[in-house]
Amino acid sequence: MAEVKAHIVLDPSIGQNPEKRTALLEKLLKTAPISEINQKRLDLYGIITGMVDESLLDDIRKTPGVVSVERDKERFLR
């Protein structure tokens, strides 16, 4: 499958704790290689934004500590 930009929202108790956030990110990276991670967004909001193989999105959704996974939507300015 193709790589897509995805937003992975972490449980707030994990996303706001640097140690737990790092541990969950490492676990996710073993399950689904995620590239081009926006580290600033992860640190500020507990949201992993990056490129991931579309076929792995359901596996990421099943990971404990992940609240939601959404594909990025293209937006067009008028």
PDB file of N, CA and C in Angstrom:
ATOM      1  N   MET A   1       0.840  -1.194   0.000  1.00  0.00           N
ATOM      2  CA  MET A   1       0.000   0.000   0.000  1.00  0.00           C
ATOM      3  C   MET A   1       0.876   1.246   0.000  1.00  0.00           C
ATOM      4  N   ALA A   2       0.231   2.343  -0.192  1.00  0.00           N
ATOM      5  CA  ALA A   2       0.927   3.618  -0.262  1.00  0.00           C
ATOM      6  C   ALA A   2       1.089   4.245   1.116  1.00  0.00           C
ATOM      7  N   GLU A   3       2.116   5.066   1.227  1.00  0.00           N
ATOM      8  CA  GLU A   3       2.288   5.823   2.465  1.00  0.00           C
ATOM      9  C   GLU A   3       1.326   6.995   2.467  1.00  0.00           C
ATOM     10  N   VAL A   4       0.752   7.254   3.643  1.00  0.00           N
ATOM     11  CA  VAL A   4      -0.157   8.379   3.821  1.00  0.00           C
ATOM     12  C   VAL A   4       0.279   9.165   5.049  1.00  0.00           C
ATOM     13  N   LYS A   5      -0.098  10.429   5.075  1.00  0.00           N
ATOM     14  CA  LYS A   5       0.151  11.232   6.266  1.00  0.00           C
ATOM     15  C   LYS A   5      -0.977  10.930   7.242  1.00  0.00           C
ATOM     16  N   ALA A   6      -0.611  10.626   8.488  1.00  0.00           N
ATOM     17  CA  ALA A   6      -1.611  10.260   9.489  1.00  0.00           C
ATOM     18  C   ALA A   6      -1.380  11.037  10.773  1.00  0.00           C
ATOM     19  N   HIS A   7      -2.482  11.204  11.518  1.00  0.00           N
ATOM     20  CA  HIS A   7      -2.457  11.847  12.824  1.00  0.00           C
ATOM     21  C   HIS A   7      -2.890  10.800  13.847  1.00  0.00           C
ATOM     22  N   ILE A   8      -1.983  10.493  14.773  1.00  0.00           N
ATOM     23  CA  ILE A   8      -2.226   9.467  15.778  1.00  0.00           C
ATOM     24  C   ILE A   8      -2.347  10.182  17.120  1.00  0.00           C
ATOM     25  N   VAL A   9      -3.560  10.202  17.661  1.00  0.00           N
ATOM     26  CA  VAL A   9      -3.821  10.908  18.914  1.00  0.00           C
ATOM     27  C   VAL A   9      -3.616   9.942  20.073  1.00  0.00           C
ATOM     28  N   LEU A  10      -2.768  10.358  21.017  1.00  0.00           N
ATOM     29  CA  LEU A  10      -2.471   9.527  22.177  1.00  0.00           C
ATOM     30  C   LEU A  10      -3.390   9.877  23.336  1.00  0.00           C
ATOM     31  N   ASP A  11      -3.617   8.893  24.193  1.00  0.00           N
ATOM     32  CA  ASP A  11      -4.367   9.142  25.426  1.00  0.00           C
ATOM     33  C   ASP A  11      -3.671  10.285  26.169  1.00  0.00           C
ATOM     34  N   PRO A  12      -4.420  11.274  26.680  1.00  0.00           N
ATOM     35  CA  PRO A  12      -3.795  12.418  27.342  1.00  0.00           C
ATOM     36  C   PRO A  12      -2.846  12.051  28.484  1.00  0.00           C
ATOM     37  N   SER A  13      -3.148  10.983  29.209  1.00  0.00           N
ATOM     38  CA  SER A  13      -2.259  10.587  30.311  1.00  0.00           C
ATOM     39  C   SER A  13      -0.898  10.116  29.801  1.00  0.00           C
ATOM     40  N   ILE A  14      -0.849   9.675  28.561  1.00  0.00           N
ATOM     41  CA  ILE A  14       0.406   9.255  27.936  1.00  0.00           C
ATOM     42  C   ILE A  14       1.033  10.413  27.168  1.00  0.00           C
ATOM     43  N   GLY A  15       0.219  11.117  26.409  1.00  0.00           N
ATOM     44  CA  GLY A  15       0.721  12.206  25.573  1.00  0.00           C
ATOM     45  C   GLY A  15       1.353  13.337  26.353  1.00  0.00           C
ATOM     46  N   GLN A  16       0.931  13.525  27.597  1.00  0.00           N
ATOM     47  CA  GLN A  16       1.469  14.618  28.405  1.00  0.00           C
ATOM     48  C   GLN A  16       2.614  14.174  29.314  1.00  0.00           C
ATOM     49  N   ASN A  17       2.955  12.912  29.273  1.00  0.00           N
ATOM     50  CA  ASN A  17       4.041  12.386  30.098  1.00  0.00           C
ATOM     51  C   ASN A  17       5.200  11.998  29.175  1.00  0.00           C
ATOM     52  N   PRO A  18       6.324  12.723  29.230  1.00  0.00           N
ATOM     53  CA  PRO A  18       7.428  12.462  28.297  1.00  0.00           C
ATOM     54  C   PRO A  18       7.931  11.021  28.282  1.00  0.00           C
ATOM     55  N   GLU A  19       8.033  10.386  29.441  1.00  0.00           N
ATOM     56  CA  GLU A  19       8.534   9.008  29.480  1.00  0.00           C
ATOM     57  C   GLU A  19       7.542   8.030  28.841  1.00  0.00           C
ATOM     58  N   LYS A  20       6.270   8.163  29.202  1.00  0.00           N
ATOM     59  CA  LYS A  20       5.244   7.283  28.628  1.00  0.00           C
ATOM     60  C   LYS A  20       5.088   7.531  27.137  1.00  0.00           C
ATOM     61  N   ARG A  21       5.160   8.790  26.732  1.00  0.00           N
ATOM     62  CA  ARG A  21       5.032   9.162  25.311  1.00  0.00           C
ATOM     63  C   ARG A  21       6.158   8.525  24.502  1.00  0.00           C
ATOM     64  N   THR A  22       7.381   8.605  25.019  1.00  0.00           N
ATOM     65  CA  THR A  22       8.527   8.014  24.326  1.00  0.00           C
ATOM     66  C   THR A  22       8.399   6.501  24.240  1.00  0.00           C
ATOM     67  N   ALA A  23       7.960   5.873  25.328  1.00  0.00           N
ATOM     68  CA  ALA A  23       7.802   4.417  25.339  1.00  0.00           C
ATOM     69  C   ALA A  23       6.756   3.968  24.313  1.00  0.00           C
ATOM     70  N   LEU A  24       5.626   4.692  24.244  1.00  0.00           N
ATOM     71  CA  LEU A  24       4.587   4.324  23.286  1.00  0.00           C
ATOM     72  C   LEU A  24       5.057   4.563  21.851  1.00  0.00           C
ATOM     73  N   LEU A  25       5.772   5.638  21.618  1.00  0.00           N
ATOM     74  CA  LEU A  25       6.298   5.908  20.279  1.00  0.00           C
ATOM     75  C   LEU A  25       7.238   4.791  19.849  1.00  0.00           C
ATOM     76  N   GLU A  26       8.115   4.353  20.735  1.00  0.00           N
ATOM     77  CA  GLU A  26       9.035   3.259  20.404  1.00  0.00           C
ATOM     78  C   GLU A  26       8.271   1.980  20.084  1.00  0.00           C
ATOM     79  N   LYS A  27       7.215   1.706  20.845  1.00  0.00           N
ATOM     80  CA  LYS A  27       6.386   0.522  20.578  1.00  0.00           C
ATOM     81  C   LYS A  27       5.720   0.633  19.212  1.00  0.00           C
ATOM     82  N   LEU A  28       5.173   1.811  18.905  1.00  0.00           N
ATOM     83  CA  LEU A  28       4.526   2.010  17.615  1.00  0.00           C
ATOM     84  C   LEU A  28       5.508   1.868  16.454  1.00  0.00           C
ATOM     85  N   LEU A  29       6.718   2.368  16.639  1.00  0.00           N
ATOM     86  CA  LEU A  29       7.711   2.284  15.574  1.00  0.00           C
ATOM     87  C   LEU A  29       8.102   0.846  15.262  1.00  0.00           C
ATOM     88  N   LYS A  30       7.978  -0.059  16.239  1.00  0.00           N
ATOM     89  CA  LYS A  30       8.235  -1.475  15.993  1.00  0.00           C
ATOM     90  C   LYS A  30       7.080  -2.107  15.222  1.00  0.00           C
ATOM     91  N   THR A  31       5.868  -1.640  15.485  1.00  0.00           N
ATOM     92  CA  THR A  31       4.677  -2.155  14.812  1.00  0.00           C
ATOM     93  C   THR A  31       4.545  -1.600  13.400  1.00  0.00           C
ATOM     94  N   ALA A  32       4.753  -0.290  13.290  1.00  0.00           N
ATOM     95  CA  ALA A  32       4.530   0.397  12.018  1.00  0.00           C
ATOM     96  C   ALA A  32       5.565   1.508  11.861  1.00  0.00           C
ATOM     97  N   PRO A  33       6.507   1.326  10.963  1.00  0.00           N
ATOM     98  CA  PRO A  33       7.487   2.392  10.750  1.00  0.00           C
ATOM     99  C   PRO A  33       6.783   3.700  10.370  1.00  0.00           C
ATOM    100  N   ILE A  34       7.048   4.728  11.145  1.00  0.00           N
ATOM    101  CA  ILE A  34       6.470   6.051  10.912  1.00  0.00           C
ATOM    102  C   ILE A  34       7.629   6.988  10.613  1.00  0.00           C
ATOM    103  N   SER A  35       7.556   7.678   9.491  1.00  0.00           N
ATOM    104  CA  SER A  35       8.634   8.600   9.125  1.00  0.00           C
ATOM    105  C   SER A  35       8.124  10.035   9.146  1.00  0.00           C
ATOM    106  N   GLU A  36       9.055  10.958   9.097  1.00  0.00           N
ATOM    107  CA  GLU A  36       8.743  12.388   9.052  1.00  0.00           C
ATOM    108  C   GLU A  36       7.851  12.819  10.219  1.00  0.00           C
ATOM    109  N   ILE A  37       8.162  12.322  11.414  1.00  0.00           N
ATOM    110  CA  ILE A  37       7.369  12.646  12.612  1.00  0.00           C
ATOM    111  C   ILE A  37       7.564  14.112  12.978  1.00  0.00           C
ATOM    112  N   ASN A  38       6.457  14.800  13.217  1.00  0.00           N
ATOM    113  CA  ASN A  38       6.483  16.192  13.660  1.00  0.00           C
ATOM    114  C   ASN A  38       6.688  16.181  15.175  1.00  0.00           C
ATOM    115  N   GLN A  39       7.942  16.289  15.597  1.00  0.00           N
ATOM    116  CA  GLN A  39       8.280  16.161  17.015  1.00  0.00           C
ATOM    117  C   GLN A  39       7.663  17.275  17.857  1.00  0.00           C
ATOM    118  N   LYS A  40       7.599  18.474  17.322  1.00  0.00           N
ATOM    119  CA  LYS A  40       7.034  19.595  18.075  1.00  0.00           C
ATOM    120  C   LYS A  40       5.561  19.340  18.401  1.00  0.00           C
ATOM    121  N   ARG A  41       4.805  18.838  17.433  1.00  0.00           N
ATOM    122  CA  ARG A  41       3.381  18.532  17.660  1.00  0.00           C
ATOM    123  C   ARG A  41       3.235  17.417  18.689  1.00  0.00           C
ATOM    124  N   LEU A  42       4.097  16.435  18.614  1.00  0.00           N
ATOM    125  CA  LEU A  42       4.054  15.334  19.580  1.00  0.00           C
ATOM    126  C   LEU A  42       4.311  15.854  20.989  1.00  0.00           C
ATOM    127  N   ASP A  43       5.340  16.668  21.143  1.00  0.00           N
ATOM    128  CA  ASP A  43       5.690  17.191  22.466  1.00  0.00           C
ATOM    129  C   ASP A  43       4.606  18.116  23.026  1.00  0.00           C
ATOM    130  N   LEU A  44       4.021  18.947  22.177  1.00  0.00           N
ATOM    131  CA  LEU A  44       3.036  19.926  22.644  1.00  0.00           C
ATOM    132  C   LEU A  44       1.642  19.339  22.861  1.00  0.00           C
ATOM    133  N   TYR A  45       1.218  18.469  21.936  1.00  0.00           N
ATOM    134  CA  TYR A  45      -0.186  18.034  21.935  1.00  0.00           C
ATOM    135  C   TYR A  45      -0.400  16.533  22.137  1.00  0.00           C
ATOM    136  N   GLY A  46       0.653  15.751  22.135  1.00  0.00           N
ATOM    137  CA  GLY A  46       0.485  14.302  22.260  1.00  0.00           C
ATOM    138  C   GLY A  46      -0.119  13.682  21.016  1.00  0.00           C
ATOM    139  N   ILE A  47       0.206  14.279  19.855  1.00  0.00           N
ATOM    140  CA  ILE A  47      -0.286  13.769  18.572  1.00  0.00           C
ATOM    141  C   ILE A  47       0.916  13.435  17.705  1.00  0.00           C
ATOM    142  N   ILE A  48       0.974  12.195  17.242  1.00  0.00           N
ATOM    143  CA  ILE A  48       2.038  11.790  16.325  1.00  0.00           C
ATOM    144  C   ILE A  48       1.536  12.056  14.911  1.00  0.00           C
ATOM    145  N   THR A  49       2.211  12.939  14.205  1.00  0.00           N
ATOM    146  CA  THR A  49       1.887  13.213  12.810  1.00  0.00           C
ATOM    147  C   THR A  49       3.082  12.788  11.976  1.00  0.00           C
ATOM    148  N   GLY A  50       2.837  11.907  11.020  1.00  0.00           N
ATOM    149  CA  GLY A  50       3.924  11.429  10.181  1.00  0.00           C
ATOM    150  C   GLY A  50       3.405  10.577   9.042  1.00  0.00           C
ATOM    151  N   MET A  51       4.330  10.048   8.277  1.00  0.00           N
ATOM    152  CA  MET A  51       4.008   9.212   7.134  1.00  0.00           C
ATOM    153  C   MET A  51       4.064   7.745   7.555  1.00  0.00           C
ATOM    154  N   VAL A  52       3.031   6.993   7.157  1.00  0.00           N
ATOM    155  CA  VAL A  52       2.937   5.578   7.529  1.00  0.00           C
ATOM    156  C   VAL A  52       2.232   4.819   6.411  1.00  0.00           C
ATOM    157  N   ASP A  53       2.550   3.550   6.282  1.00  0.00           N
ATOM    158  CA  ASP A  53       1.893   2.709   5.286  1.00  0.00           C
ATOM    159  C   ASP A  53       0.412   2.596   5.643  1.00  0.00           C
ATOM    160  N   GLU A  54      -0.443   2.889   4.692  1.00  0.00           N
ATOM    161  CA  GLU A  54      -1.886   2.906   4.921  1.00  0.00           C
ATOM    162  C   GLU A  54      -2.407   1.572   5.456  1.00  0.00           C
ATOM    163  N   SER A  55      -1.809   0.475   5.062  1.00  0.00           N
ATOM    164  CA  SER A  55      -2.279  -0.843   5.493  1.00  0.00           C
ATOM    165  C   SER A  55      -2.026  -1.093   6.980  1.00  0.00           C
ATOM    166  N   LEU A  56      -1.228  -0.260   7.632  1.00  0.00           N
ATOM    167  CA  LEU A  56      -0.912  -0.446   9.044  1.00  0.00           C
ATOM    168  C   LEU A  56      -1.765   0.405   9.980  1.00  0.00           C
ATOM    169  N   LEU A  57      -2.640   1.236   9.436  1.00  0.00           N
ATOM    170  CA  LEU A  57      -3.436   2.133  10.276  1.00  0.00           C
ATOM    171  C   LEU A  57      -4.316   1.376  11.272  1.00  0.00           C
ATOM    172  N   ASP A  58      -4.912   0.269  10.858  1.00  0.00           N
ATOM    173  CA  ASP A  58      -5.762  -0.506  11.777  1.00  0.00           C
ATOM    174  C   ASP A  58      -4.940  -1.115  12.909  1.00  0.00           C
ATOM    175  N   ASP A  59      -3.720  -1.563  12.616  1.00  0.00           N
ATOM    176  CA  ASP A  59      -2.852  -2.102  13.667  1.00  0.00           C
ATOM    177  C   ASP A  59      -2.511  -1.015  14.684  1.00  0.00           C
ATOM    178  N   ILE A  60      -2.272   0.196  14.213  1.00  0.00           N
ATOM    179  CA  ILE A  60      -1.963   1.307  15.107  1.00  0.00           C
ATOM    180  C   ILE A  60      -3.178   1.613  15.985  1.00  0.00           C
ATOM    181  N   ARG A  61      -4.373   1.589  15.408  1.00  0.00           N
ATOM    182  CA  ARG A  61      -5.605   1.864  16.167  1.00  0.00           C
ATOM    183  C   ARG A  61      -5.786   0.908  17.340  1.00  0.00           C
ATOM    184  N   LYS A  62      -5.321  -0.328  17.183  1.00  0.00           N
ATOM    185  CA  LYS A  62      -5.500  -1.361  18.206  1.00  0.00           C
ATOM    186  C   LYS A  62      -4.487  -1.248  19.345  1.00  0.00           C
ATOM    187  N   THR A  63      -3.514  -0.364  19.210  1.00  0.00           N
ATOM    188  CA  THR A  63      -2.459  -0.234  20.213  1.00  0.00           C
ATOM    189  C   THR A  63      -2.993   0.458  21.462  1.00  0.00           C
ATOM    190  N   PRO A  64      -2.831  -0.141  22.635  1.00  0.00           N
ATOM    191  CA  PRO A  64      -3.260   0.519  23.872  1.00  0.00           C
ATOM    192  C   PRO A  64      -2.544   1.867  24.029  1.00  0.00           C
ATOM    193  N   GLY A  65      -3.322   2.884  24.381  1.00  0.00           N
ATOM    194  CA  GLY A  65      -2.769   4.226  24.534  1.00  0.00           C
ATOM    195  C   GLY A  65      -3.043   5.125  23.351  1.00  0.00           C
ATOM    196  N   VAL A  66      -3.506   4.527  22.247  1.00  0.00           N
ATOM    197  CA  VAL A  66      -3.866   5.303  21.061  1.00  0.00           C
ATOM    198  C   VAL A  66      -5.365   5.554  21.108  1.00  0.00           C
ATOM    199  N   VAL A  67      -5.759   6.825  21.051  1.00  0.00           N
ATOM    200  CA  VAL A  67      -7.174   7.196  21.115  1.00  0.00           C
ATOM    201  C   VAL A  67      -7.807   7.159  19.727  1.00  0.00           C
ATOM    202  N   SER A  68      -7.100   7.700  18.739  1.00  0.00           N
ATOM    203  CA  SER A  68      -7.640   7.689  17.378  1.00  0.00           C
ATOM    204  C   SER A  68      -6.527   7.810  16.356  1.00  0.00           C
ATOM    205  N   VAL A  69      -6.830   7.368  15.142  1.00  0.00           N
ATOM    206  CA  VAL A  69      -5.905   7.469  14.014  1.00  0.00           C
ATOM    207  C   VAL A  69      -6.711   7.974  12.823  1.00  0.00           C
ATOM    208  N   GLU A  70      -6.233   9.056  12.231  1.00  0.00           N
ATOM    209  CA  GLU A  70      -6.925   9.624  11.071  1.00  0.00           C
ATOM    210  C   GLU A  70      -5.937   9.937   9.969  1.00  0.00           C
ATOM    211  N   ARG A  71      -6.360   9.674   8.756  1.00  0.00           N
ATOM    212  CA  ARG A  71      -5.569  10.103   7.598  1.00  0.00           C
ATOM    213  C   ARG A  71      -5.684  11.609   7.469  1.00  0.00           C
ATOM    214  N   ASP A  72      -4.600  12.238   7.052  1.00  0.00           N
ATOM    215  CA  ASP A  72      -4.630  13.667   6.816  1.00  0.00           C
ATOM    216  C   ASP A  72      -5.523  13.957   5.622  1.00  0.00           C
ATOM    217  N   LYS A  73      -6.266  15.031   5.699  1.00  0.00           N
ATOM    218  CA  LYS A  73      -7.142  15.421   4.593  1.00  0.00           C
ATOM    219  C   LYS A  73      -6.524  16.614   3.872  1.00  0.00           C
ATOM    220  N   GLU A  74      -6.550  16.563   2.564  1.00  0.00           N
ATOM    221  CA  GLU A  74      -6.059  17.707   1.789  1.00  0.00           C
ATOM    222  C   GLU A  74      -7.086  18.821   1.860  1.00  0.00           C
ATOM    223  N   ARG A  75      -6.565  20.010   2.045  1.00  0.00           N
ATOM    224  CA  ARG A  75      -7.446  21.180   2.099  1.00  0.00           C
ATOM    225  C   ARG A  75      -6.975  22.157   1.035  1.00  0.00           C
ATOM    226  N   PHE A  76      -7.911  22.739   0.382  1.00  0.00           N
ATOM    227  CA  PHE A  76      -7.589  23.685  -0.683  1.00  0.00           C
ATOM    228  C   PHE A  76      -8.078  25.064  -0.310  1.00  0.00           C
ATOM    229  N   LEU A  77      -7.193  26.029  -0.440  1.00  0.00           N
ATOM    230  CA  LEU A  77      -7.572  27.408  -0.178  1.00  0.00           C
ATOM    231  C   LEU A  77      -8.172  28.011  -1.433  1.00  0.00           C
ATOM    232  N   ARG A  78      -9.141  28.845  -1.256  1.00  0.00           N
ATOM    233  CA  ARG A  78      -9.750  29.489  -2.429  1.00  0.00           C
ATOM    234  C   ARG A  78      -9.071  30.785  -2.735  1.00  0.00           C
TER     235      ARG A  78
END
